[in-house]
Amino acid sequence: MKPFLILQLRPIDLASDNEFSAFLRYGGLTEHDVYRVRMENEGIPKINLEDYSGVILGGGPSNVSDDESVKYAYQKRFEADLNKLFDRIFKEDFPILGTCYGIGSLVKYQGGEVSKERYSEDIGAAEIELTKEGKKDELLAGLPAKFMAYVGHKEACQAIPKYATLLASSYSCPLQMIRFGKNIYATQFHTELDEADLFLRIQIYKNHGYFSPKDAESLIKKTKKYHVTVPSMILKRFIQKYKIV
């Protein structure tokens, strides 16, 4: 099988390794099936898209809407690299699934507005509802019209960007999943998180401004009542649809 390119940007090793493990687990992949790049450490090396089945772009504490003056040097570097890669991805309509930070970076590249003005989400679970177009999409067809997903974001897309198809929405954030062309997907919600992974992430990021550190335990208790399974099915469907054997 041609490998999938996994692009990550989490500077904390525990968080990065946990996300990577989840992508493998829920994607039905092994380490031999992927090429992992930690962009915050090394940027993006020279990539020939023909060598890959598709791309998975993960999330992290970086915000595309932050002013350039407050972005770390490593973020400026990998964002420049990402934009060059997006040039080719959009030209070829190459398969990519961007989650969390991924949706913001793809939307910003297309000239859409990403900011903290509206639609930020507290860490927890949100009810996602498929649109009419979402119900017809190959990755989503046959899935429940409404499902729970884990969220937690400081910024969000403020409006549907040009040339994008809205696939899923929620009360708290109207743009939960979009598609550009036929093969470029992005989700605001996390496709890789299960309950244990979310609890770990709450502990890792409790001092990163997503919520008050004293609220960490109450967030864990609040989230325990939700059963979240559909988002990981979307990740697995993406892998199954685009893997090249």
C-alpha atoms as a PDB file:
ATOM      1  CA  MET A   1       0.000   0.000   0.000  1.00  0.00           C
ATOM      2  CA  LYS A   2       1.168   3.525  -0.704  1.00  0.00           C
ATOM      3  CA  PRO A   3       1.575   5.125   2.730  1.00  0.00           C
ATOM      4  CA  PHE A   4      -0.491   7.956   4.134  1.00  0.00           C
ATOM      5  CA  LEU A   5       1.357  11.139   5.032  1.00  0.00           C
ATOM      6  CA  ILE A   6       0.568  12.172   8.612  1.00  0.00           C
ATOM      7  CA  LEU A   7       1.380  15.794   9.430  1.00  0.00           C
ATOM      8  CA  GLN A   8       1.441  16.809  13.097  1.00  0.00           C
ATOM      9  CA  LEU A   9       2.142  20.034  14.972  1.00  0.00           C
ATOM     10  CA  ARG A  10       1.877  19.217  18.691  1.00  0.00           C
ATOM     11  CA  PRO A  11       5.123  20.265  20.458  1.00  0.00           C
ATOM     12  CA  ILE A  12       4.437  18.152  23.565  1.00  0.00           C
ATOM     13  CA  ASP A  13       5.666  14.620  22.872  1.00  0.00           C
ATOM     14  CA  LEU A  14       2.974  12.889  24.925  1.00  0.00           C
ATOM     15  CA  ALA A  15       0.201  14.691  23.046  1.00  0.00           C
ATOM     16  CA  SER A  16       1.818  14.128  19.651  1.00  0.00           C
ATOM     17  CA  ASP A  17       2.436  10.426  20.261  1.00  0.00           C
ATOM     18  CA  ASN A  18      -1.107   9.960  21.565  1.00  0.00           C
ATOM     19  CA  GLU A  19      -2.594  11.629  18.492  1.00  0.00           C
ATOM     20  CA  PHE A  20      -0.375   9.581  16.173  1.00  0.00           C
ATOM     21  CA  SER A  21      -1.350   6.347  17.922  1.00  0.00           C
ATOM     22  CA  ALA A  22      -5.036   7.258  17.601  1.00  0.00           C
ATOM     23  CA  PHE A  23      -4.715   7.966  13.871  1.00  0.00           C
ATOM     24  CA  LEU A  24      -3.204   4.512  13.428  1.00  0.00           C
ATOM     25  CA  ARG A  25      -5.728   2.764  15.672  1.00  0.00           C
ATOM     26  CA  TYR A  26      -8.876   4.268  14.240  1.00  0.00           C
ATOM     27  CA  GLY A  27      -7.562   4.388  10.690  1.00  0.00           C
ATOM     28  CA  GLY A  28      -6.740   0.681  10.762  1.00  0.00           C
ATOM     29  CA  LEU A  29      -3.119   1.502   9.981  1.00  0.00           C
ATOM     30  CA  THR A  30       0.297   0.334  11.159  1.00  0.00           C
ATOM     31  CA  GLU A  31       3.477   2.381  11.374  1.00  0.00           C
ATOM     32  CA  HIS A  32       4.541   0.752   8.094  1.00  0.00           C
ATOM     33  CA  ASP A  33       1.470   2.237   6.399  1.00  0.00           C
ATOM     34  CA  VAL A  34       2.345   5.863   7.139  1.00  0.00           C
ATOM     35  CA  TYR A  35       5.043   8.487   6.941  1.00  0.00           C
ATOM     36  CA  ARG A  36       4.977  10.695  10.008  1.00  0.00           C
ATOM     37  CA  VAL A  37       6.150  14.306   9.980  1.00  0.00           C
ATOM     38  CA  ARG A  38       6.256  16.435  13.124  1.00  0.00           C
ATOM     39  CA  MET A  39       6.122  19.816  11.471  1.00  0.00           C
ATOM     40  CA  GLU A  40       6.888  21.746  14.645  1.00  0.00           C
ATOM     41  CA  ASN A  41      10.287  20.042  14.790  1.00  0.00           C
ATOM     42  CA  GLU A  42      11.351  19.757  11.177  1.00  0.00           C
ATOM     43  CA  GLY A  43       8.946  21.644   8.965  1.00  0.00           C
ATOM     44  CA  ILE A  44       7.823  19.630   5.945  1.00  0.00           C
ATOM     45  CA  PRO A  45      10.507  17.894   3.884  1.00  0.00           C
ATOM     46  CA  LYS A  46      10.274  17.701   0.109  1.00  0.00           C
ATOM     47  CA  ILE A  47       7.108  15.723  -0.633  1.00  0.00           C
ATOM     48  CA  ASN A  48       6.109  13.953  -3.847  1.00  0.00           C
ATOM     49  CA  LEU A  49       2.352  13.453  -3.533  1.00  0.00           C
ATOM     50  CA  GLU A  50       2.471  10.591  -6.018  1.00  0.00           C
ATOM     51  CA  ASP A  51       4.238   8.539  -3.344  1.00  0.00           C
ATOM     52  CA  TYR A  52       1.221   8.696  -0.989  1.00  0.00           C
ATOM     53  CA  SER A  53      -2.356   7.502  -0.815  1.00  0.00           C
ATOM     54  CA  GLY A  54      -3.470  10.634   1.003  1.00  0.00           C
ATOM     55  CA  VAL A  55      -2.679  13.134   3.743  1.00  0.00           C
ATOM     56  CA  ILE A  56      -3.915  13.431   7.336  1.00  0.00           C
ATOM     57  CA  LEU A  57      -3.324  16.806   8.991  1.00  0.00           C
ATOM     58  CA  GLY A  58      -3.781  16.832  12.756  1.00  0.00           C
ATOM     59  CA  GLY A  59      -4.431  19.474  15.369  1.00  0.00           C
ATOM     60  CA  GLY A  60      -2.556  21.267  18.089  1.00  0.00           C
ATOM     61  CA  PRO A  61      -2.302  24.416  20.188  1.00  0.00           C
ATOM     62  CA  SER A  62      -1.292  26.633  17.248  1.00  0.00           C
ATOM     63  CA  ASN A  63      -3.939  29.011  15.887  1.00  0.00           C
ATOM     64  CA  VAL A  64      -3.926  30.150  12.280  1.00  0.00           C
ATOM     65  CA  SER A  65      -5.682  33.376  13.296  1.00  0.00           C
ATOM     66  CA  ASP A  66      -2.985  34.492  15.742  1.00  0.00           C
ATOM     67  CA  ASP A  67      -1.116  37.640  14.804  1.00  0.00           C
ATOM     68  CA  GLU A  68       2.242  36.933  13.187  1.00  0.00           C
ATOM     69  CA  SER A  69       3.951  38.817  16.012  1.00  0.00           C
ATOM     70  CA  VAL A  70       2.931  36.197  18.586  1.00  0.00           C
ATOM     71  CA  LYS A  71       3.444  33.048  16.527  1.00  0.00           C
ATOM     72  CA  TYR A  72       6.439  30.903  17.374  1.00  0.00           C
ATOM     73  CA  ALA A  73       9.139  30.616  14.725  1.00  0.00           C
ATOM     74  CA  TYR A  74       8.344  26.939  14.213  1.00  0.00           C
ATOM     75  CA  GLN A  75       4.688  27.763  13.433  1.00  0.00           C
ATOM     76  CA  LYS A  76       5.653  30.376  10.849  1.00  0.00           C
ATOM     77  CA  ARG A  77       7.984  27.815   9.263  1.00  0.00           C
ATOM     78  CA  PHE A  78       5.510  24.959   9.030  1.00  0.00           C
ATOM     79  CA  GLU A  79       2.683  27.238   7.881  1.00  0.00           C
ATOM     80  CA  ALA A  80       4.844  28.414   4.982  1.00  0.00           C
ATOM     81  CA  ASP A  81       5.618  24.776   4.161  1.00  0.00           C
ATOM     82  CA  LEU A  82       1.936  23.840   4.425  1.00  0.00           C
ATOM     83  CA  ASN A  83       0.884  26.560   2.005  1.00  0.00           C
ATOM     84  CA  LYS A  84       3.356  25.260  -0.578  1.00  0.00           C
ATOM     85  CA  LEU A  85       1.966  21.753  -0.092  1.00  0.00           C
ATOM     86  CA  PHE A  86      -1.603  23.075  -0.344  1.00  0.00           C
ATOM     87  CA  ASP A  87      -0.687  24.604  -3.710  1.00  0.00           C
ATOM     88  CA  ARG A  88      -0.247  21.089  -5.047  1.00  0.00           C
ATOM     89  CA  ILE A  89      -3.082  19.513  -3.060  1.00  0.00           C
ATOM     90  CA  PHE A  90      -5.671  21.959  -4.380  1.00  0.00           C
ATOM     91  CA  LYS A  91      -4.286  21.880  -7.913  1.00  0.00           C
ATOM     92  CA  GLU A  92      -4.586  18.080  -7.997  1.00  0.00           C
ATOM     93  CA  ASP A  93      -7.628  17.770  -5.705  1.00  0.00           C
ATOM     94  CA  PHE A  94      -5.430  15.366  -3.735  1.00  0.00           C
ATOM     95  CA  PRO A  95      -7.029  13.475  -0.825  1.00  0.00           C
ATOM     96  CA  ILE A  96      -6.512  15.130   2.548  1.00  0.00           C
ATOM     97  CA  LEU A  97      -8.361  15.019   5.850  1.00  0.00           C
ATOM     98  CA  GLY A  98      -7.583  17.987   8.065  1.00  0.00           C
ATOM     99  CA  THR A  99      -8.898  17.969  11.631  1.00  0.00           C
ATOM    100  CA  CYS A 100      -8.927  20.727  14.266  1.00  0.00           C
ATOM    101  CA  TYR A 101      -6.062  22.997  13.154  1.00  0.00           C
ATOM    102  CA  GLY A 102      -6.428  21.316   9.764  1.00  0.00           C
ATOM    103  CA  ILE A 103      -9.758  22.964   8.956  1.00  0.00           C
ATOM    104  CA  GLY A 104      -8.477  26.397   9.916  1.00  0.00           C
ATOM    105  CA  SER A 105      -5.355  26.112   7.783  1.00  0.00           C
ATOM    106  CA  LEU A 106      -7.236  24.832   4.735  1.00  0.00           C
ATOM    107  CA  VAL A 107      -9.915  27.514   5.014  1.00  0.00           C
ATOM    108  CA  LYS A 108      -7.381  30.300   5.501  1.00  0.00           C
ATOM    109  CA  TYR A 109      -5.427  29.076   2.481  1.00  0.00           C
ATOM    110  CA  GLN A 110      -8.624  29.419   0.442  1.00  0.00           C
ATOM    111  CA  GLY A 111      -9.122  32.982   1.638  1.00  0.00           C
ATOM    112  CA  GLY A 112     -11.803  32.201   4.213  1.00  0.00           C
ATOM    113  CA  GLU A 113     -12.084  33.932   7.576  1.00  0.00           C
ATOM    114  CA  VAL A 114     -10.753  32.107  10.630  1.00  0.00           C
ATOM    115  CA  SER A 115     -10.854  33.932  13.965  1.00  0.00           C
ATOM    116  CA  LYS A 116     -11.727  33.813  17.648  1.00  0.00           C
ATOM    117  CA  GLU A 117     -14.617  36.248  17.151  1.00  0.00           C
ATOM    118  CA  ARG A 118     -17.346  33.596  17.208  1.00  0.00           C
ATOM    119  CA  TYR A 119     -17.859  29.846  17.480  1.00  0.00           C
ATOM    120  CA  SER A 120     -14.982  28.879  19.765  1.00  0.00           C
ATOM    121  CA  GLU A 121     -15.870  25.707  21.676  1.00  0.00           C
ATOM    122  CA  ASP A 122     -15.167  24.535  25.195  1.00  0.00           C
ATOM    123  CA  ILE A 123     -13.526  21.140  25.525  1.00  0.00           C
ATOM    124  CA  GLY A 124     -16.196  18.477  25.623  1.00  0.00           C
ATOM    125  CA  ALA A 125     -18.757  16.879  23.312  1.00  0.00           C
ATOM    126  CA  ALA A 126     -21.060  18.558  20.803  1.00  0.00           C
ATOM    127  CA  GLU A 127     -23.936  17.251  18.718  1.00  0.00           C
ATOM    128  CA  ILE A 128     -23.062  17.312  15.030  1.00  0.00           C
ATOM    129  CA  GLU A 129     -25.758  17.314  12.346  1.00  0.00           C
ATOM    130  CA  LEU A 130     -25.179  16.341   8.724  1.00  0.00           C
ATOM    131  CA  THR A 131     -26.388  18.686   6.011  1.00  0.00           C
ATOM    132  CA  LYS A 132     -28.267  17.520   2.929  1.00  0.00           C
ATOM    133  CA  GLU A 133     -24.967  17.418   1.037  1.00  0.00           C
ATOM    134  CA  GLY A 134     -23.308  15.644   3.951  1.00  0.00           C
ATOM    135  CA  LYS A 135     -25.809  12.804   3.866  1.00  0.00           C
ATOM    136  CA  LYS A 136     -24.874  12.196   0.219  1.00  0.00           C
ATOM    137  CA  ASP A 137     -21.113  12.391   0.692  1.00  0.00           C
ATOM    138  CA  GLU A 138     -19.217   9.102   0.348  1.00  0.00           C
ATOM    139  CA  LEU A 139     -17.471   9.451   3.711  1.00  0.00           C
ATOM    140  CA  LEU A 140     -20.728  10.185   5.540  1.00  0.00           C
ATOM    141  CA  ALA A 141     -23.484   8.347   3.645  1.00  0.00           C
ATOM    142  CA  GLY A 142     -25.332   5.922   5.914  1.00  0.00           C
ATOM    143  CA  LEU A 143     -23.982   7.406   9.136  1.00  0.00           C
ATOM    144  CA  PRO A 144     -26.428   8.822  11.716  1.00  0.00           C
ATOM    145  CA  ALA A 145     -27.801  12.221  10.717  1.00  0.00           C
ATOM    146  CA  LYS A 146     -26.889  13.427  14.216  1.00  0.00           C
ATOM    147  CA  PHE A 147     -23.976  12.217  16.320  1.00  0.00           C
ATOM    148  CA  MET A 148     -21.731  13.322  19.155  1.00  0.00           C
ATOM    149  CA  ALA A 149     -18.138  14.407  18.623  1.00  0.00           C
ATOM    150  CA  TYR A 150     -15.346  15.746  20.806  1.00  0.00           C
ATOM    151  CA  VAL A 151     -14.470  19.410  20.333  1.00  0.00           C
ATOM    152  CA  GLY A 152     -12.382  22.119  21.968  1.00  0.00           C
ATOM    153  CA  HIS A 153     -11.123  25.089  19.981  1.00  0.00           C
ATOM    154  CA  LYS A 154     -10.091  28.701  20.501  1.00  0.00           C
ATOM    155  CA  GLU A 155     -10.809  29.703  16.895  1.00  0.00           C
ATOM    156  CA  ALA A 156     -13.229  28.720  14.145  1.00  0.00           C
ATOM    157  CA  CYS A 157     -14.208  29.400  10.560  1.00  0.00           C
ATOM    158  CA  GLN A 158     -16.607  32.325  10.534  1.00  0.00           C
ATOM    159  CA  ALA A 159     -18.388  31.598   7.245  1.00  0.00           C
ATOM    160  CA  ILE A 160     -18.419  29.014   4.475  1.00  0.00           C
ATOM    161  CA  PRO A 161     -15.446  29.818   2.242  1.00  0.00           C
ATOM    162  CA  LYS A 162     -15.634  29.986  -1.541  1.00  0.00           C
ATOM    163  CA  TYR A 163     -15.798  26.674  -3.360  1.00  0.00           C
ATOM    164  CA  ALA A 164     -16.484  24.722  -0.149  1.00  0.00           C
ATOM    165  CA  THR A 165     -19.388  22.365   0.472  1.00  0.00           C
ATOM    166  CA  LEU A 166     -20.791  22.317   4.008  1.00  0.00           C
ATOM    167  CA  LEU A 167     -21.195  18.711   5.161  1.00  0.00           C
ATOM    168  CA  ALA A 168     -21.908  19.016   8.886  1.00  0.00           C
ATOM    169  CA  SER A 169     -22.803  21.691  11.424  1.00  0.00           C
ATOM    170  CA  SER A 170     -23.589  22.157  15.099  1.00  0.00           C
ATOM    171  CA  TYR A 171     -25.390  24.676  17.279  1.00  0.00           C
ATOM    172  CA  SER A 172     -22.128  25.928  18.773  1.00  0.00           C
ATOM    173  CA  CYS A 173     -20.143  26.053  15.529  1.00  0.00           C
ATOM    174  CA  PRO A 174     -21.881  26.138  12.110  1.00  0.00           C
ATOM    175  CA  LEU A 175     -18.858  24.849  10.162  1.00  0.00           C
ATOM    176  CA  GLN A 176     -18.040  21.433  11.595  1.00  0.00           C
ATOM    177  CA  MET A 177     -17.129  19.637   8.368  1.00  0.00           C
ATOM    178  CA  ILE A 178     -16.520  20.861   4.841  1.00  0.00           C
ATOM    179  CA  ARG A 179     -15.205  19.571   1.532  1.00  0.00           C
ATOM    180  CA  PHE A 180     -13.325  21.332  -1.229  1.00  0.00           C
ATOM    181  CA  GLY A 181     -13.577  19.736  -4.649  1.00  0.00           C
ATOM    182  CA  LYS A 182     -14.122  15.998  -4.366  1.00  0.00           C
ATOM    183  CA  ASN A 183     -11.259  14.869  -2.135  1.00  0.00           C
ATOM    184  CA  ILE A 184     -10.232  17.669   0.245  1.00  0.00           C
ATOM    185  CA  TYR A 185     -11.962  17.230   3.618  1.00  0.00           C
ATOM    186  CA  ALA A 186     -11.735  19.110   6.893  1.00  0.00           C
ATOM    187  CA  THR A 187     -13.415  18.782  10.283  1.00  0.00           C
ATOM    188  CA  GLN A 188     -13.577  21.139  13.229  1.00  0.00           C
ATOM    189  CA  PHE A 189     -14.336  18.200  15.521  1.00  0.00           C
ATOM    190  CA  HIS A 190     -11.770  15.520  16.287  1.00  0.00           C
ATOM    191  CA  THR A 191     -11.946  12.278  14.321  1.00  0.00           C
ATOM    192  CA  GLU A 192      -9.240  10.539  16.359  1.00  0.00           C
ATOM    193  CA  LEU A 193     -10.335  11.030  19.971  1.00  0.00           C
ATOM    194  CA  ASP A 194     -11.943   8.475  22.228  1.00  0.00           C
ATOM    195  CA  GLU A 195     -12.834   8.986  25.874  1.00  0.00           C
ATOM    196  CA  ALA A 196      -9.432   7.998  27.267  1.00  0.00           C
ATOM    197  CA  ASP A 197      -7.586  10.137  24.724  1.00  0.00           C
ATOM    198  CA  LEU A 198      -9.777  13.157  25.496  1.00  0.00           C
ATOM    199  CA  PHE A 199      -9.159  12.807  29.231  1.00  0.00           C
ATOM    200  CA  LEU A 200      -5.407  12.646  28.602  1.00  0.00           C
ATOM    201  CA  ARG A 201      -5.586  15.732  26.391  1.00  0.00           C
ATOM    202  CA  ILE A 202      -7.501  17.622  29.082  1.00  0.00           C
ATOM    203  CA  GLN A 203      -4.673  16.913  31.522  1.00  0.00           C
ATOM    204  CA  ILE A 204      -1.974  17.863  28.997  1.00  0.00           C
ATOM    205  CA  TYR A 205      -3.576  21.148  27.958  1.00  0.00           C
ATOM    206  CA  LYS A 206      -5.116  22.290  31.234  1.00  0.00           C
ATOM    207  CA  ASN A 207      -2.635  25.172  31.436  1.00  0.00           C
ATOM    208  CA  HIS A 208      -2.895  26.243  27.780  1.00  0.00           C
ATOM    209  CA  GLY A 209      -5.869  28.607  27.993  1.00  0.00           C
ATOM    210  CA  TYR A 210      -8.652  26.325  26.774  1.00  0.00           C
ATOM    211  CA  PHE A 211     -10.265  26.304  30.216  1.00  0.00           C
ATOM    212  CA  SER A 212      -9.428  27.097  33.832  1.00  0.00           C
ATOM    213  CA  PRO A 213      -7.078  24.422  35.253  1.00  0.00           C
ATOM    214  CA  LYS A 214      -9.404  24.007  38.254  1.00  0.00           C
ATOM    215  CA  ASP A 215     -12.140  22.847  35.868  1.00  0.00           C
ATOM    216  CA  ALA A 216     -10.196  19.882  34.465  1.00  0.00           C
ATOM    217  CA  GLU A 217     -11.801  17.221  36.641  1.00  0.00           C
ATOM    218  CA  SER A 218     -15.324  18.596  36.172  1.00  0.00           C
ATOM    219  CA  LEU A 219     -14.808  18.570  32.400  1.00  0.00           C
ATOM    220  CA  ILE A 220     -13.816  14.923  32.555  1.00  0.00           C
ATOM    221  CA  LYS A 221     -16.879  14.044  34.610  1.00  0.00           C
ATOM    222  CA  LYS A 222     -19.185  16.021  32.327  1.00  0.00           C
ATOM    223  CA  THR A 223     -17.843  14.371  29.181  1.00  0.00           C
ATOM    224  CA  LYS A 224     -18.103  10.817  30.526  1.00  0.00           C
ATOM    225  CA  LYS A 225     -21.845  10.698  29.887  1.00  0.00           C
ATOM    226  CA  TYR A 226     -21.435  10.937  26.099  1.00  0.00           C
ATOM    227  CA  HIS A 227     -20.924   7.993  23.741  1.00  0.00           C
ATOM    228  CA  VAL A 228     -18.718   9.135  20.860  1.00  0.00           C
ATOM    229  CA  THR A 229     -18.098   6.635  18.036  1.00  0.00           C
ATOM    230  CA  VAL A 230     -19.035   8.142  14.668  1.00  0.00           C
ATOM    231  CA  PRO A 231     -16.085  10.541  14.151  1.00  0.00           C
ATOM    232  CA  SER A 232     -13.539   7.703  14.158  1.00  0.00           C
ATOM    233  CA  MET A 233     -15.662   5.931  11.544  1.00  0.00           C
ATOM    234  CA  ILE A 234     -15.182   8.959   9.280  1.00  0.00           C
ATOM    235  CA  LEU A 235     -11.409   8.663   9.697  1.00  0.00           C
ATOM    236  CA  LYS A 236     -11.514   4.963   8.862  1.00  0.00           C
ATOM    237  CA  ARG A 237     -13.714   5.580   5.822  1.00  0.00           C
ATOM    238  CA  PHE A 238     -11.230   8.164   4.561  1.00  0.00           C
ATOM    239  CA  ILE A 239      -8.416   5.609   4.790  1.00  0.00           C
ATOM    240  CA  GLN A 240     -10.461   2.883   3.131  1.00  0.00           C
ATOM    241  CA  LYS A 241     -11.616   5.165   0.318  1.00  0.00           C
ATOM    242  CA  TYR A 242      -8.224   6.505  -0.643  1.00  0.00           C
ATOM    243  CA  LYS A 243      -5.675   3.790   0.134  1.00  0.00           C
ATOM    244  CA  ILE A 244      -3.783   2.722  -2.974  1.00  0.00           C
ATOM    245  CA  VAL A 245      -2.645  -0.900  -2.895  1.00  0.00           C
END
